[in-house]
């Protein structure tokens, strides 16, 4: 399991809006080259088609999209990622935590390469939430 936290000068609602806008997840998650979904919040339990780095097809399914927690499962050949985002209001913004657990042969072999991924995702999420609020 890999995890990281980041304090963001964003309202929890702004962070949540970016996390559940499934059609735009590939804009801030560099592992995904595309997600096929209509604009708007994710539907819990619906499997959305994805492409990982333009090579591998799979799907992402949102398991929970509450105001303080978003959980998902991303599945592709040889890869199974169960992840969550937690948002806690703190003075000046939101403390966002991201945790991901990998199963599957490919991801197990590459586990060390994924250690910094939660931090990278948090950084890009922070930037995207700021851009969305400014726009």
C-alpha atoms as a PDB file:
ATOM      1  CA  UNK A   1       0.000   0.000   0.000  1.00  0.00           C
ATOM      2  CA  UNK A   2       1.189   3.516  -0.812  1.00  0.00           C
ATOM      3  CA  UNK A   3      -0.137   6.726   0.690  1.00  0.00           C
ATOM      4  CA  UNK A   4       0.502  10.440   1.056  1.00  0.00           C
ATOM      5  CA  UNK A   5      -1.239  13.554   2.361  1.00  0.00           C
ATOM      6  CA  UNK A   6      -1.164  17.175   1.289  1.00  0.00           C
ATOM      7  CA  UNK A   7      -2.647  20.328   2.752  1.00  0.00           C
ATOM      8  CA  UNK A   8      -4.441  22.277   0.018  1.00  0.00           C
ATOM      9  CA  UNK A   9      -5.702  25.847   0.104  1.00  0.00           C
ATOM     10  CA  UNK A  10      -8.949  24.620  -1.406  1.00  0.00           C
ATOM     11  CA  UNK A  11     -12.417  24.005  -0.052  1.00  0.00           C
ATOM     12  CA  UNK A  12     -13.297  20.310   0.340  1.00  0.00           C
ATOM     13  CA  UNK A  13     -16.133  20.790  -2.179  1.00  0.00           C
ATOM     14  CA  UNK A  14     -13.656  22.040  -4.812  1.00  0.00           C
ATOM     15  CA  UNK A  15     -11.419  19.004  -4.308  1.00  0.00           C
ATOM     16  CA  UNK A  16     -14.403  16.643  -4.364  1.00  0.00           C
ATOM     17  CA  UNK A  17     -15.694  18.172  -7.609  1.00  0.00           C
ATOM     18  CA  UNK A  18     -12.391  17.371  -9.364  1.00  0.00           C
ATOM     19  CA  UNK A  19     -12.190  13.850  -7.918  1.00  0.00           C
ATOM     20  CA  UNK A  20     -15.666  12.809  -9.061  1.00  0.00           C
ATOM     21  CA  UNK A  21     -15.583  14.449 -12.518  1.00  0.00           C
ATOM     22  CA  UNK A  22     -14.670  11.110 -14.072  1.00  0.00           C
ATOM     23  CA  UNK A  23     -14.483  12.446 -17.637  1.00  0.00           C
ATOM     24  CA  UNK A  24     -11.569  14.691 -16.563  1.00  0.00           C
ATOM     25  CA  UNK A  25      -9.578  12.263 -14.370  1.00  0.00           C
ATOM     26  CA  UNK A  26      -7.000  11.723 -17.132  1.00  0.00           C
ATOM     27  CA  UNK A  27      -6.297  15.489 -17.097  1.00  0.00           C
ATOM     28  CA  UNK A  28      -4.604  15.220 -13.697  1.00  0.00           C
ATOM     29  CA  UNK A  29      -3.804  11.501 -13.334  1.00  0.00           C
ATOM     30  CA  UNK A  30      -0.796  10.989 -15.631  1.00  0.00           C
ATOM     31  CA  UNK A  31      -1.151   7.189 -15.713  1.00  0.00           C
ATOM     32  CA  UNK A  32      -4.423   7.528 -17.600  1.00  0.00           C
ATOM     33  CA  UNK A  33      -4.413   8.696 -21.187  1.00  0.00           C
ATOM     34  CA  UNK A  34      -8.199   8.642 -21.422  1.00  0.00           C
ATOM     35  CA  UNK A  35     -11.430   7.931 -19.599  1.00  0.00           C
ATOM     36  CA  UNK A  36     -14.606   7.448 -21.606  1.00  0.00           C
ATOM     37  CA  UNK A  37     -17.400   9.099 -19.648  1.00  0.00           C
ATOM     38  CA  UNK A  38     -19.976  11.827 -20.085  1.00  0.00           C
ATOM     39  CA  UNK A  39     -19.340  15.122 -18.273  1.00  0.00           C
ATOM     40  CA  UNK A  40     -20.591  15.239 -14.707  1.00  0.00           C
ATOM     41  CA  UNK A  41     -20.078  13.357 -11.479  1.00  0.00           C
ATOM     42  CA  UNK A  42     -19.294   9.652 -11.514  1.00  0.00           C
ATOM     43  CA  UNK A  43     -22.099   7.170 -10.994  1.00  0.00           C
ATOM     44  CA  UNK A  44     -21.309   4.762  -8.178  1.00  0.00           C
ATOM     45  CA  UNK A  45     -20.897   1.208  -9.455  1.00  0.00           C
ATOM     46  CA  UNK A  46     -20.577   2.123 -13.136  1.00  0.00           C
ATOM     47  CA  UNK A  47     -17.419   0.861 -14.889  1.00  0.00           C
ATOM     48  CA  UNK A  48     -15.914   3.600 -17.071  1.00  0.00           C
ATOM     49  CA  UNK A  49     -13.517   2.510 -19.854  1.00  0.00           C
ATOM     50  CA  UNK A  50      -9.938   3.803 -19.508  1.00  0.00           C
ATOM     51  CA  UNK A  51      -6.630   3.649 -21.367  1.00  0.00           C
ATOM     52  CA  UNK A  52      -3.443   3.439 -19.311  1.00  0.00           C
ATOM     53  CA  UNK A  53      -0.573   5.297 -20.944  1.00  0.00           C
ATOM     54  CA  UNK A  54      -2.257   4.791 -24.307  1.00  0.00           C
ATOM     55  CA  UNK A  55      -1.440   1.069 -24.256  1.00  0.00           C
ATOM     56  CA  UNK A  56      -3.657  -0.925 -21.943  1.00  0.00           C
ATOM     57  CA  UNK A  57      -7.430  -0.865 -21.695  1.00  0.00           C
ATOM     58  CA  UNK A  58      -9.320  -1.298 -18.470  1.00  0.00           C
ATOM     59  CA  UNK A  59     -11.960   0.403 -16.380  1.00  0.00           C
ATOM     60  CA  UNK A  60     -12.400   2.560 -13.311  1.00  0.00           C
ATOM     61  CA  UNK A  61     -15.369   2.124 -11.006  1.00  0.00           C
ATOM     62  CA  UNK A  62     -16.279   4.575  -8.259  1.00  0.00           C
ATOM     63  CA  UNK A  63     -17.297   2.771  -5.076  1.00  0.00           C
ATOM     64  CA  UNK A  64     -18.081   5.833  -2.934  1.00  0.00           C
ATOM     65  CA  UNK A  65     -18.297   9.574  -3.610  1.00  0.00           C
ATOM     66  CA  UNK A  66     -19.164  11.092  -0.232  1.00  0.00           C
ATOM     67  CA  UNK A  67     -18.156  14.588   0.866  1.00  0.00           C
ATOM     68  CA  UNK A  68     -15.227  13.317   2.957  1.00  0.00           C
ATOM     69  CA  UNK A  69     -14.214  10.161   1.071  1.00  0.00           C
ATOM     70  CA  UNK A  70     -13.983   8.990  -2.529  1.00  0.00           C
ATOM     71  CA  UNK A  71     -13.168   5.332  -3.191  1.00  0.00           C
ATOM     72  CA  UNK A  72     -12.506   3.676  -6.534  1.00  0.00           C
ATOM     73  CA  UNK A  73     -11.237   0.511  -8.174  1.00  0.00           C
ATOM     74  CA  UNK A  74      -9.155   0.548 -11.344  1.00  0.00           C
ATOM     75  CA  UNK A  75      -8.806  -2.771 -13.176  1.00  0.00           C
ATOM     76  CA  UNK A  76      -6.757  -3.644 -16.266  1.00  0.00           C
ATOM     77  CA  UNK A  77      -4.943  -6.793 -17.432  1.00  0.00           C
ATOM     78  CA  UNK A  78      -2.408  -7.650 -14.711  1.00  0.00           C
ATOM     79  CA  UNK A  79      -3.414  -4.619 -12.641  1.00  0.00           C
ATOM     80  CA  UNK A  80      -5.933  -4.023  -9.889  1.00  0.00           C
ATOM     81  CA  UNK A  81      -5.787  -0.793  -7.877  1.00  0.00           C
ATOM     82  CA  UNK A  82      -8.075  -0.092  -4.958  1.00  0.00           C
ATOM     83  CA  UNK A  83      -7.787   3.513  -3.853  1.00  0.00           C
ATOM     84  CA  UNK A  84      -9.302   6.203  -1.731  1.00  0.00           C
ATOM     85  CA  UNK A  85      -9.146   9.931  -1.212  1.00  0.00           C
ATOM     86  CA  UNK A  86     -10.013  11.469   2.159  1.00  0.00           C
ATOM     87  CA  UNK A  87     -10.729  15.140   2.687  1.00  0.00           C
ATOM     88  CA  UNK A  88     -10.601  16.781   6.105  1.00  0.00           C
ATOM     89  CA  UNK A  89     -11.286  20.477   6.573  1.00  0.00           C
ATOM     90  CA  UNK A  90      -8.382  22.228   8.290  1.00  0.00           C
ATOM     91  CA  UNK A  91      -7.707  25.922   8.948  1.00  0.00           C
ATOM     92  CA  UNK A  92      -6.990  27.526   5.584  1.00  0.00           C
ATOM     93  CA  UNK A  93      -8.195  24.658   3.419  1.00  0.00           C
ATOM     94  CA  UNK A  94      -8.348  20.887   3.211  1.00  0.00           C
ATOM     95  CA  UNK A  95      -6.028  18.070   4.197  1.00  0.00           C
ATOM     96  CA  UNK A  96      -6.295  15.534   1.374  1.00  0.00           C
ATOM     97  CA  UNK A  97      -4.992  11.991   1.831  1.00  0.00           C
ATOM     98  CA  UNK A  98      -4.608   9.480  -0.962  1.00  0.00           C
ATOM     99  CA  UNK A  99      -4.074   5.776  -0.395  1.00  0.00           C
ATOM    100  CA  UNK A 100      -3.789   3.062  -3.014  1.00  0.00           C
ATOM    101  CA  UNK A 101      -3.319  -0.675  -2.803  1.00  0.00           C
ATOM    102  CA  UNK A 102      -2.213  -2.760  -5.761  1.00  0.00           C
ATOM    103  CA  UNK A 103      -2.972  -6.341  -6.651  1.00  0.00           C
ATOM    104  CA  UNK A 104      -2.087  -8.170  -9.819  1.00  0.00           C
ATOM    105  CA  UNK A 105       1.190  -9.523 -11.146  1.00  0.00           C
ATOM    106  CA  UNK A 106       2.287  -6.453 -13.104  1.00  0.00           C
ATOM    107  CA  UNK A 107       1.725  -3.980 -10.275  1.00  0.00           C
ATOM    108  CA  UNK A 108       3.305  -6.263  -7.662  1.00  0.00           C
ATOM    109  CA  UNK A 109       6.483  -6.460  -9.741  1.00  0.00           C
ATOM    110  CA  UNK A 110       6.589  -2.682 -10.041  1.00  0.00           C
ATOM    111  CA  UNK A 111       5.586  -1.853  -6.445  1.00  0.00           C
ATOM    112  CA  UNK A 112       8.641   0.294  -5.647  1.00  0.00           C
ATOM    113  CA  UNK A 113       8.060   2.416  -8.723  1.00  0.00           C
ATOM    114  CA  UNK A 114       4.627   3.326  -7.343  1.00  0.00           C
ATOM    115  CA  UNK A 115       5.852   4.675  -3.968  1.00  0.00           C
ATOM    116  CA  UNK A 116       5.824   8.355  -5.086  1.00  0.00           C
ATOM    117  CA  UNK A 117       2.576   8.104  -7.076  1.00  0.00           C
ATOM    118  CA  UNK A 118       0.184   9.292  -4.316  1.00  0.00           C
ATOM    119  CA  UNK A 119       2.293  12.443  -3.832  1.00  0.00           C
ATOM    120  CA  UNK A 120       2.370  13.096  -7.577  1.00  0.00           C
ATOM    121  CA  UNK A 121      -1.383  12.665  -7.844  1.00  0.00           C
ATOM    122  CA  UNK A 122      -1.968  14.984  -4.881  1.00  0.00           C
ATOM    123  CA  UNK A 123       0.194  17.688  -6.437  1.00  0.00           C
ATOM    124  CA  UNK A 124      -1.655  17.523  -9.751  1.00  0.00           C
ATOM    125  CA  UNK A 125      -5.029  17.323  -8.012  1.00  0.00           C
ATOM    126  CA  UNK A 126      -4.161  20.484  -6.058  1.00  0.00           C
ATOM    127  CA  UNK A 127      -3.206  22.312  -9.256  1.00  0.00           C
ATOM    128  CA  UNK A 128      -6.335  21.148 -11.070  1.00  0.00           C
ATOM    129  CA  UNK A 129      -8.650  22.090  -8.182  1.00  0.00           C
ATOM    130  CA  UNK A 130      -7.084  25.561  -8.177  1.00  0.00           C
ATOM    131  CA  UNK A 131      -7.475  25.905 -11.938  1.00  0.00           C
ATOM    132  CA  UNK A 132     -11.105  24.759 -11.760  1.00  0.00           C
ATOM    133  CA  UNK A 133     -11.890  27.305  -9.044  1.00  0.00           C
ATOM    134  CA  UNK A 134     -10.144  30.112 -10.941  1.00  0.00           C
ATOM    135  CA  UNK A 135     -11.956  29.198 -14.184  1.00  0.00           C
END
